[in-house]
Amino acid sequence: MKDATLLWVDARLNKSTGTMPDTCDFPGHCHVSDNVAHAMSMADSINPDVIVFDFDYADITGLRTLRKVREKHPQIPLLMLAEQHYEGLSIWALRCRVWDYLVKPHDLNELMRYLDQLANEIKPSQKNCDWLKLLPANKIPREASIIGTTKIGYGISAAIGYIEEHLHERISADEVSQQCGLTRYELSRAFKSEYNMTFRDFLLKLRMERAARMLCCTQASISEIALSVGFNDISHFTRRFRKYFGCSAKIYRRAKHVTNCAI
């Protein structure tokens, strides 16, 4: 088995937290780029067997760099790690054809063994990998544009990730603000500034959009869909849906029926 070469791109915005891999943990040769700006040049010079982009909060610069590296080196398996996770980010990553999308925390030793196995067993495809040119346009999620190094930037990004993950549950502004390290006032002001809507309106928007996609893309009953987006009272869901879309969920499903789409 050949000695594998790993390129680890530290794309974290807050480098004072979390754990960076110890190069000793990787059985082969591990190169670390502590700045996403150097990722492309290192990939060109090292020609690694596998590449890892390590994010805490995925920002536009990091995601654009990942996409450029992916397009230039499509034959190299590329993994994406993310601490702050939301549905739009995972969909974006899969559309970029990353080899794997992993949500932290994770066991570094186990991850290193996985990377070594991947680097040694996956045979690189032909250098002329033109298939990436055939992929549809993949717009970077809007959430990435509001991430910064400020408390508010991290907080609202974490809030969106928490909401996406717990959309099927009862969610309160107090609960979300506590999870993302903001006061309720800061949370409310941030949503009003970035989305021009209140926290409650933003939450309802996500619930309604998720319900609409499920109506189009699944055979789940309306009651099941209502529960999956956080409505325990089906009649309440029905009223909300009709007010939001201007028709009942049943009529919406009939009019917008789509067989091939992603939730």
C-alpha atoms as a PDB file:
ATOM      1  CA  MET A   1       0.000   0.000   0.000  1.00  0.00           C
ATOM      2  CA  LYS A   2       1.457   3.333  -1.051  1.00  0.00           C
ATOM      3  CA  ASP A   3       2.028   6.236   1.305  1.00  0.00           C
ATOM      4  CA  ALA A   4      -0.960   8.524   0.835  1.00  0.00           C
ATOM      5  CA  THR A   5      -0.787  12.305   0.718  1.00  0.00           C
ATOM      6  CA  LEU A   6      -3.453  14.370   2.470  1.00  0.00           C
ATOM      7  CA  LEU A   7      -4.117  18.091   2.057  1.00  0.00           C
ATOM      8  CA  TRP A   8      -6.048  19.515   5.022  1.00  0.00           C
ATOM      9  CA  VAL A   9      -7.430  23.007   4.387  1.00  0.00           C
ATOM     10  CA  ASP A  10      -8.204  24.885   7.610  1.00  0.00           C
ATOM     11  CA  ALA A  11     -11.173  26.987   6.460  1.00  0.00           C
ATOM     12  CA  ARG A  12     -12.368  27.800   9.984  1.00  0.00           C
ATOM     13  CA  LEU A  13     -13.241  31.407  10.699  1.00  0.00           C
ATOM     14  CA  ASN A  14     -12.538  31.039  14.417  1.00  0.00           C
ATOM     15  CA  LYS A  15      -9.235  29.203  14.717  1.00  0.00           C
ATOM     16  CA  SER A  16      -9.099  29.570  18.492  1.00  0.00           C
ATOM     17  CA  THR A  17     -11.646  26.788  18.984  1.00  0.00           C
ATOM     18  CA  GLY A  18     -11.947  23.217  17.805  1.00  0.00           C
ATOM     19  CA  THR A  19      -9.238  20.677  17.102  1.00  0.00           C
ATOM     20  CA  MET A  20      -6.826  20.603  14.207  1.00  0.00           C
ATOM     21  CA  PRO A  21      -5.499  17.217  13.108  1.00  0.00           C
ATOM     22  CA  ASP A  22      -2.080  16.131  14.295  1.00  0.00           C
ATOM     23  CA  THR A  23       0.021  15.229  11.266  1.00  0.00           C
ATOM     24  CA  CYS A  24       1.237  12.207  13.237  1.00  0.00           C
ATOM     25  CA  ASP A  25      -2.294  10.784  13.209  1.00  0.00           C
ATOM     26  CA  PHE A  26      -2.266  10.338   9.439  1.00  0.00           C
ATOM     27  CA  PRO A  27      -0.330   7.250   8.297  1.00  0.00           C
ATOM     28  CA  GLY A  28       0.941   8.981   5.157  1.00  0.00           C
ATOM     29  CA  HIS A  29       2.011  12.542   4.440  1.00  0.00           C
ATOM     30  CA  CYS A  30      -0.234  15.298   5.780  1.00  0.00           C
ATOM     31  CA  HIS A  31       0.040  18.891   4.568  1.00  0.00           C
ATOM     32  CA  VAL A  32      -1.972  21.613   6.299  1.00  0.00           C
ATOM     33  CA  SER A  33      -3.045  24.864   4.635  1.00  0.00           C
ATOM     34  CA  ASP A  34      -3.935  27.279   7.436  1.00  0.00           C
ATOM     35  CA  ASN A  35      -5.365  29.765   4.944  1.00  0.00           C
ATOM     36  CA  VAL A  36      -7.955  29.012   2.268  1.00  0.00           C
ATOM     37  CA  ALA A  37      -6.145  31.462  -0.013  1.00  0.00           C
ATOM     38  CA  HIS A  38      -3.275  28.957  -0.263  1.00  0.00           C
ATOM     39  CA  ALA A  39      -5.446  25.910  -0.886  1.00  0.00           C
ATOM     40  CA  MET A  40      -5.322  26.008  -4.680  1.00  0.00           C
ATOM     41  CA  SER A  41      -1.582  26.526  -4.958  1.00  0.00           C
ATOM     42  CA  MET A  42      -0.918  23.739  -2.449  1.00  0.00           C
ATOM     43  CA  ALA A  43      -3.238  21.367  -4.282  1.00  0.00           C
ATOM     44  CA  ASP A  44      -1.417  22.168  -7.525  1.00  0.00           C
ATOM     45  CA  SER A  45       2.046  21.615  -6.074  1.00  0.00           C
ATOM     46  CA  ILE A  46       1.356  18.639  -3.811  1.00  0.00           C
ATOM     47  CA  ASN A  47      -1.127  16.768  -6.026  1.00  0.00           C
ATOM     48  CA  PRO A  48      -2.603  15.045  -2.952  1.00  0.00           C
ATOM     49  CA  ASP A  49      -4.514  11.781  -2.910  1.00  0.00           C
ATOM     50  CA  VAL A  50      -7.332  13.296  -0.859  1.00  0.00           C
ATOM     51  CA  ILE A  51      -8.348  16.829   0.175  1.00  0.00           C
ATOM     52  CA  VAL A  52     -10.287  17.923   3.273  1.00  0.00           C
ATOM     53  CA  PHE A  53     -11.907  21.344   3.740  1.00  0.00           C
ATOM     54  CA  ASP A  54     -12.475  21.916   7.462  1.00  0.00           C
ATOM     55  CA  PHE A  55     -15.166  24.550   8.196  1.00  0.00           C
ATOM     56  CA  ASP A  56     -16.725  25.799  11.374  1.00  0.00           C
ATOM     57  CA  TYR A  57     -19.031  28.341   9.715  1.00  0.00           C
ATOM     58  CA  ALA A  58     -18.883  28.021   5.942  1.00  0.00           C
ATOM     59  CA  ASP A  59     -18.423  31.472   4.423  1.00  0.00           C
ATOM     60  CA  ILE A  60     -18.486  32.604   0.807  1.00  0.00           C
ATOM     61  CA  THR A  61     -14.688  32.740   0.442  1.00  0.00           C
ATOM     62  CA  GLY A  62     -14.231  29.221   1.751  1.00  0.00           C
ATOM     63  CA  LEU A  63     -17.050  27.759  -0.340  1.00  0.00           C
ATOM     64  CA  ARG A  64     -15.859  29.467  -3.503  1.00  0.00           C
ATOM     65  CA  THR A  65     -12.347  28.147  -2.919  1.00  0.00           C
ATOM     66  CA  LEU A  66     -13.643  24.631  -2.351  1.00  0.00           C
ATOM     67  CA  ARG A  67     -15.605  24.798  -5.593  1.00  0.00           C
ATOM     68  CA  LYS A  68     -12.583  26.058  -7.556  1.00  0.00           C
ATOM     69  CA  VAL A  69     -10.349  23.311  -6.151  1.00  0.00           C
ATOM     70  CA  ARG A  70     -13.035  20.748  -6.936  1.00  0.00           C
ATOM     71  CA  GLU A  71     -13.344  21.962 -10.513  1.00  0.00           C
ATOM     72  CA  LYS A  72      -9.597  22.010 -11.132  1.00  0.00           C
ATOM     73  CA  HIS A  73      -8.888  18.662  -9.449  1.00  0.00           C
ATOM     74  CA  PRO A  74     -12.033  16.576 -10.043  1.00  0.00           C
ATOM     75  CA  GLN A  75     -10.039  13.335  -9.918  1.00  0.00           C
ATOM     76  CA  ILE A  76      -9.108  13.872  -6.240  1.00  0.00           C
ATOM     77  CA  PRO A  77     -11.638  12.827  -3.558  1.00  0.00           C
ATOM     78  CA  LEU A  78     -12.606  15.953  -1.598  1.00  0.00           C
ATOM     79  CA  LEU A  79     -14.327  15.844   1.794  1.00  0.00           C
ATOM     80  CA  MET A  80     -16.085  18.701   3.547  1.00  0.00           C
ATOM     81  CA  LEU A  81     -16.342  19.015   7.329  1.00  0.00           C
ATOM     82  CA  ALA A  82     -18.805  21.474   8.835  1.00  0.00           C
ATOM     83  CA  GLU A  83     -19.565  22.475  12.406  1.00  0.00           C
ATOM     84  CA  GLN A  84     -22.525  24.715  11.595  1.00  0.00           C
ATOM     85  CA  HIS A  85     -24.865  22.605   9.496  1.00  0.00           C
ATOM     86  CA  TYR A  86     -28.044  23.472   7.624  1.00  0.00           C
ATOM     87  CA  GLU A  87     -29.988  21.909   4.795  1.00  0.00           C
ATOM     88  CA  GLY A  88     -28.939  24.389   2.122  1.00  0.00           C
ATOM     89  CA  LEU A  89     -25.248  23.806   2.861  1.00  0.00           C
ATOM     90  CA  SER A  90     -25.471  20.021   2.617  1.00  0.00           C
ATOM     91  CA  ILE A  91     -27.375  20.266  -0.680  1.00  0.00           C
ATOM     92  CA  TRP A  92     -24.766  22.679  -2.035  1.00  0.00           C
ATOM     93  CA  ALA A  93     -21.938  20.328  -1.029  1.00  0.00           C
ATOM     94  CA  LEU A  94     -23.559  17.314  -2.678  1.00  0.00           C
ATOM     95  CA  ARG A  95     -24.170  19.276  -5.858  1.00  0.00           C
ATOM     96  CA  CYS A  96     -20.468  20.140  -5.886  1.00  0.00           C
ATOM     97  CA  ARG A  97     -19.861  16.381  -5.869  1.00  0.00           C
ATOM     98  CA  VAL A  98     -17.813  16.359  -2.692  1.00  0.00           C
ATOM     99  CA  TRP A  99     -16.854  12.796  -1.833  1.00  0.00           C
ATOM    100  CA  ASP A 100     -18.366  13.046   1.642  1.00  0.00           C
ATOM    101  CA  TYR A 101     -20.030  15.703   3.794  1.00  0.00           C
ATOM    102  CA  LEU A 102     -19.426  15.233   7.525  1.00  0.00           C
ATOM    103  CA  VAL A 103     -20.868  17.202  10.432  1.00  0.00           C
ATOM    104  CA  LYS A 104     -18.595  17.781  13.421  1.00  0.00           C
ATOM    105  CA  PRO A 105     -17.798  16.736  16.080  1.00  0.00           C
ATOM    106  CA  HIS A 106     -16.049  13.583  14.940  1.00  0.00           C
ATOM    107  CA  ASP A 107     -13.363  11.187  16.122  1.00  0.00           C
ATOM    108  CA  LEU A 108     -10.106  12.403  14.558  1.00  0.00           C
ATOM    109  CA  ASN A 109      -8.372   9.027  14.768  1.00  0.00           C
ATOM    110  CA  GLU A 110     -11.265   7.295  13.048  1.00  0.00           C
ATOM    111  CA  LEU A 111     -11.419  10.059  10.454  1.00  0.00           C
ATOM    112  CA  MET A 112      -7.684   9.714   9.701  1.00  0.00           C
ATOM    113  CA  ARG A 113      -8.047   5.971   9.176  1.00  0.00           C
ATOM    114  CA  TYR A 114     -10.967   6.609   6.838  1.00  0.00           C
ATOM    115  CA  LEU A 115      -8.962   9.188   4.859  1.00  0.00           C
ATOM    116  CA  ASP A 116      -5.985   6.859   4.546  1.00  0.00           C
ATOM    117  CA  GLN A 117      -8.209   4.034   3.323  1.00  0.00           C
ATOM    118  CA  LEU A 118      -9.896   6.374   0.866  1.00  0.00           C
ATOM    119  CA  ALA A 119      -6.606   7.728  -0.494  1.00  0.00           C
ATOM    120  CA  ASN A 120      -5.160   4.265  -1.008  1.00  0.00           C
ATOM    121  CA  GLU A 121      -8.178   2.463  -2.410  1.00  0.00           C
ATOM    122  CA  ILE A 122      -9.812   5.007  -4.700  1.00  0.00           C
ATOM    123  CA  LYS A 123      -8.168   4.954  -8.086  1.00  0.00           C
ATOM    124  CA  PRO A 124      -7.939   8.425  -9.606  1.00  0.00           C
ATOM    125  CA  SER A 125     -10.094   8.832 -12.685  1.00  0.00           C
ATOM    126  CA  GLN A 126      -8.698  10.203 -15.903  1.00  0.00           C
ATOM    127  CA  LYS A 127      -7.134  13.637 -15.676  1.00  0.00           C
ATOM    128  CA  ASN A 128      -9.588  14.979 -18.253  1.00  0.00           C
ATOM    129  CA  CYS A 129     -12.607  15.030 -15.964  1.00  0.00           C
ATOM    130  CA  ASP A 130     -14.917  17.207 -18.023  1.00  0.00           C
ATOM    131  CA  TRP A 131     -18.041  15.930 -16.274  1.00  0.00           C
ATOM    132  CA  LEU A 132     -17.967  18.822 -13.783  1.00  0.00           C
ATOM    133  CA  LYS A 133     -18.674  21.206 -16.659  1.00  0.00           C
ATOM    134  CA  LEU A 134     -22.005  19.461 -17.129  1.00  0.00           C
ATOM    135  CA  LEU A 135     -23.209  20.205 -13.596  1.00  0.00           C
ATOM    136  CA  PRO A 136     -25.947  22.839 -13.233  1.00  0.00           C
ATOM    137  CA  ALA A 137     -25.202  26.194 -11.654  1.00  0.00           C
ATOM    138  CA  ASN A 138     -24.886  25.760  -7.901  1.00  0.00           C
ATOM    139  CA  LYS A 139     -25.515  29.018  -6.099  1.00  0.00           C
ATOM    140  CA  ILE A 140     -23.770  29.401  -2.761  1.00  0.00           C
ATOM    141  CA  PRO A 141     -26.385  29.448   0.041  1.00  0.00           C
ATOM    142  CA  ARG A 142     -27.483  32.913   1.147  1.00  0.00           C
ATOM    143  CA  GLU A 143     -26.643  32.041   4.741  1.00  0.00           C
ATOM    144  CA  ALA A 144     -22.932  31.982   3.821  1.00  0.00           C
ATOM    145  CA  SER A 145     -23.068  35.667   2.878  1.00  0.00           C
ATOM    146  CA  ILE A 146     -23.989  36.805   6.376  1.00  0.00           C
ATOM    147  CA  ILE A 147     -21.286  34.905   8.223  1.00  0.00           C
ATOM    148  CA  GLY A 148     -18.503  37.014   9.656  1.00  0.00           C
ATOM    149  CA  THR A 149     -16.171  37.138  12.568  1.00  0.00           C
ATOM    150  CA  THR A 150     -18.606  39.129  14.709  1.00  0.00           C
ATOM    151  CA  LYS A 151     -20.765  37.738  17.457  1.00  0.00           C
ATOM    152  CA  ILE A 152     -23.911  38.546  15.460  1.00  0.00           C
ATOM    153  CA  GLY A 153     -22.523  36.898  12.320  1.00  0.00           C
ATOM    154  CA  TYR A 154     -21.722  33.651  14.113  1.00  0.00           C
ATOM    155  CA  GLY A 155     -24.928  33.817  16.125  1.00  0.00           C
ATOM    156  CA  ILE A 156     -27.413  34.150  13.274  1.00  0.00           C
ATOM    157  CA  SER A 157     -25.620  31.435  11.300  1.00  0.00           C
ATOM    158  CA  ALA A 158     -25.807  29.099  14.287  1.00  0.00           C
ATOM    159  CA  ALA A 159     -29.469  30.044  14.766  1.00  0.00           C
ATOM    160  CA  ILE A 160     -30.361  29.046  11.202  1.00  0.00           C
ATOM    161  CA  GLY A 161     -28.546  25.742  11.587  1.00  0.00           C
ATOM    162  CA  TYR A 162     -30.397  25.008  14.825  1.00  0.00           C
ATOM    163  CA  ILE A 163     -33.768  25.897  13.283  1.00  0.00           C
ATOM    164  CA  GLU A 164     -33.139  23.681  10.246  1.00  0.00           C
ATOM    165  CA  GLU A 165     -32.239  20.745  12.485  1.00  0.00           C
ATOM    166  CA  HIS A 166     -35.193  21.166  14.872  1.00  0.00           C
ATOM    167  CA  LEU A 167     -37.870  22.330  12.456  1.00  0.00           C
ATOM    168  CA  HIS A 168     -40.105  19.410  13.436  1.00  0.00           C
ATOM    169  CA  GLU A 169     -40.090  20.531  17.086  1.00  0.00           C
ATOM    170  CA  ARG A 170     -41.608  23.419  18.976  1.00  0.00           C
ATOM    171  CA  ILE A 171     -39.079  26.267  18.695  1.00  0.00           C
ATOM    172  CA  SER A 172     -39.024  29.468  20.712  1.00  0.00           C
ATOM    173  CA  ALA A 173     -36.950  32.627  20.270  1.00  0.00           C
ATOM    174  CA  ASP A 174     -35.602  32.224  23.810  1.00  0.00           C
ATOM    175  CA  GLU A 175     -34.455  28.697  23.066  1.00  0.00           C
ATOM    176  CA  VAL A 176     -32.746  29.652  19.801  1.00  0.00           C
ATOM    177  CA  SER A 177     -31.065  32.732  21.274  1.00  0.00           C
ATOM    178  CA  GLN A 178     -29.647  30.597  24.068  1.00  0.00           C
ATOM    179  CA  GLN A 179     -28.321  28.041  21.581  1.00  0.00           C
ATOM    180  CA  CYS A 180     -26.609  30.630  19.383  1.00  0.00           C
ATOM    181  CA  GLY A 181     -25.143  32.844  22.085  1.00  0.00           C
ATOM    182  CA  LEU A 182     -27.269  35.931  21.446  1.00  0.00           C
ATOM    183  CA  THR A 183     -29.803  37.744  23.551  1.00  0.00           C
ATOM    184  CA  ARG A 184     -33.388  37.601  22.337  1.00  0.00           C
ATOM    185  CA  TYR A 185     -33.126  41.270  21.350  1.00  0.00           C
ATOM    186  CA  GLU A 186     -29.936  40.649  19.342  1.00  0.00           C
ATOM    187  CA  LEU A 187     -31.538  37.668  17.619  1.00  0.00           C
ATOM    188  CA  SER A 188     -34.647  39.637  16.673  1.00  0.00           C
ATOM    189  CA  ARG A 189     -32.608  42.590  15.420  1.00  0.00           C
ATOM    190  CA  ALA A 190     -30.322  40.329  13.369  1.00  0.00           C
ATOM    191  CA  PHE A 191     -33.204  38.622  11.531  1.00  0.00           C
ATOM    192  CA  LYS A 192     -34.863  41.965  10.884  1.00  0.00           C
ATOM    193  CA  SER A 193     -31.608  43.366   9.495  1.00  0.00           C
ATOM    194  CA  GLU A 194     -30.610  40.390   7.322  1.00  0.00           C
ATOM    195  CA  TYR A 195     -34.002  39.084   6.171  1.00  0.00           C
ATOM    196  CA  ASN A 196     -36.305  42.059   6.722  1.00  0.00           C
ATOM    197  CA  MET A 197     -38.632  39.869   8.779  1.00  0.00           C
ATOM    198  CA  THR A 198     -39.123  38.891  12.386  1.00  0.00           C
ATOM    199  CA  PHE A 199     -37.786  35.674  13.849  1.00  0.00           C
ATOM    200  CA  ARG A 200     -41.324  34.232  13.965  1.00  0.00           C
ATOM    201  CA  ASP A 201     -41.961  35.128  10.330  1.00  0.00           C
ATOM    202  CA  PHE A 202     -38.647  33.551   9.300  1.00  0.00           C
ATOM    203  CA  LEU A 203     -39.508  30.374  11.203  1.00  0.00           C
ATOM    204  CA  LEU A 204     -42.949  30.195   9.576  1.00  0.00           C
ATOM    205  CA  LYS A 205     -41.377  30.729   6.148  1.00  0.00           C
ATOM    206  CA  LEU A 206     -39.048  27.740   6.647  1.00  0.00           C
ATOM    207  CA  ARG A 207     -41.911  25.570   7.892  1.00  0.00           C
ATOM    208  CA  MET A 208     -44.150  26.454   4.957  1.00  0.00           C
ATOM    209  CA  GLU A 209     -41.383  25.981   2.382  1.00  0.00           C
ATOM    210  CA  ARG A 210     -40.455  22.578   3.832  1.00  0.00           C
ATOM    211  CA  ALA A 211     -44.106  21.525   3.853  1.00  0.00           C
ATOM    212  CA  ALA A 212     -44.545  22.635   0.232  1.00  0.00           C
ATOM    213  CA  ARG A 213     -41.523  20.599  -0.884  1.00  0.00           C
ATOM    214  CA  MET A 214     -42.792  17.549   0.953  1.00  0.00           C
ATOM    215  CA  LEU A 215     -46.216  17.885  -0.661  1.00  0.00           C
ATOM    216  CA  CYS A 216     -44.576  17.902  -4.090  1.00  0.00           C
ATOM    217  CA  CYS A 217     -41.886  15.297  -3.538  1.00  0.00           C
ATOM    218  CA  THR A 218     -43.321  12.687  -1.155  1.00  0.00           C
ATOM    219  CA  GLN A 219     -46.398  10.566  -0.671  1.00  0.00           C
ATOM    220  CA  ALA A 220     -46.637  11.501   3.009  1.00  0.00           C
ATOM    221  CA  SER A 221     -50.086  12.451   4.233  1.00  0.00           C
ATOM    222  CA  ILE A 222     -50.874  16.067   5.022  1.00  0.00           C
ATOM    223  CA  SER A 223     -51.083  15.162   8.713  1.00  0.00           C
ATOM    224  CA  GLU A 224     -47.621  13.587   8.608  1.00  0.00           C
ATOM    225  CA  ILE A 225     -46.205  16.616   6.818  1.00  0.00           C
ATOM    226  CA  ALA A 226     -47.747  18.976   9.334  1.00  0.00           C
ATOM    227  CA  LEU A 227     -46.128  17.076  12.205  1.00  0.00           C
ATOM    228  CA  SER A 228     -42.752  16.937  10.435  1.00  0.00           C
ATOM    229  CA  VAL A 229     -42.613  20.737  10.152  1.00  0.00           C
ATOM    230  CA  GLY A 230     -43.587  21.423  13.749  1.00  0.00           C
ATOM    231  CA  PHE A 231     -47.420  21.638  13.751  1.00  0.00           C
ATOM    232  CA  ASN A 232     -49.099  19.373  16.291  1.00  0.00           C
ATOM    233  CA  ASP A 233     -52.483  20.920  15.517  1.00  0.00           C
ATOM    234  CA  ILE A 234     -53.421  19.893  11.962  1.00  0.00           C
ATOM    235  CA  SER A 235     -56.184  22.483  11.696  1.00  0.00           C
ATOM    236  CA  HIS A 236     -53.696  25.187  12.680  1.00  0.00           C
ATOM    237  CA  PHE A 237     -51.323  23.966   9.944  1.00  0.00           C
ATOM    238  CA  THR A 238     -54.169  23.984   7.417  1.00  0.00           C
ATOM    239  CA  ARG A 239     -55.087  27.580   8.218  1.00  0.00           C
ATOM    240  CA  ARG A 240     -51.485  28.720   8.118  1.00  0.00           C
ATOM    241  CA  PHE A 241     -50.794  26.960   4.829  1.00  0.00           C
ATOM    242  CA  ARG A 242     -53.897  28.390   3.151  1.00  0.00           C
ATOM    243  CA  LYS A 243     -53.031  31.899   4.326  1.00  0.00           C
ATOM    244  CA  TYR A 244     -49.403  31.567   3.174  1.00  0.00           C
ATOM    245  CA  PHE A 245     -49.998  30.010  -0.274  1.00  0.00           C
ATOM    246  CA  GLY A 246     -53.576  31.060  -0.957  1.00  0.00           C
ATOM    247  CA  CYS A 247     -54.908  27.511  -1.303  1.00  0.00           C
ATOM    248  CA  SER A 248     -55.243  24.326   0.698  1.00  0.00           C
ATOM    249  CA  ALA A 249     -52.397  21.833   0.988  1.00  0.00           C
ATOM    250  CA  LYS A 250     -54.419  19.288  -0.975  1.00  0.00           C
ATOM    251  CA  ILE A 251     -54.953  21.643  -3.907  1.00  0.00           C
ATOM    252  CA  TYR A 252     -51.302  22.771  -3.764  1.00  0.00           C
ATOM    253  CA  ARG A 253     -50.121  19.160  -4.025  1.00  0.00           C
ATOM    254  CA  ARG A 254     -52.392  18.489  -6.977  1.00  0.00           C
ATOM    255  CA  ALA A 255     -51.279  21.636  -8.805  1.00  0.00           C
ATOM    256  CA  LYS A 256     -47.561  21.429  -8.040  1.00  0.00           C
ATOM    257  CA  HIS A 257     -47.031  17.702  -8.288  1.00  0.00           C
ATOM    258  CA  VAL A 258     -43.373  16.973  -9.080  1.00  0.00           C
ATOM    259  CA  THR A 259     -41.889  13.489  -9.141  1.00  0.00           C
ATOM    260  CA  ASN A 260     -38.184  14.289  -9.233  1.00  0.00           C
ATOM    261  CA  CYS A 261     -36.978  16.820  -6.678  1.00  0.00           C
ATOM    262  CA  ALA A 262     -34.892  16.923  -3.536  1.00  0.00           C
ATOM    263  CA  ILE A 263     -36.153  17.726  -0.073  1.00  0.00           C
END
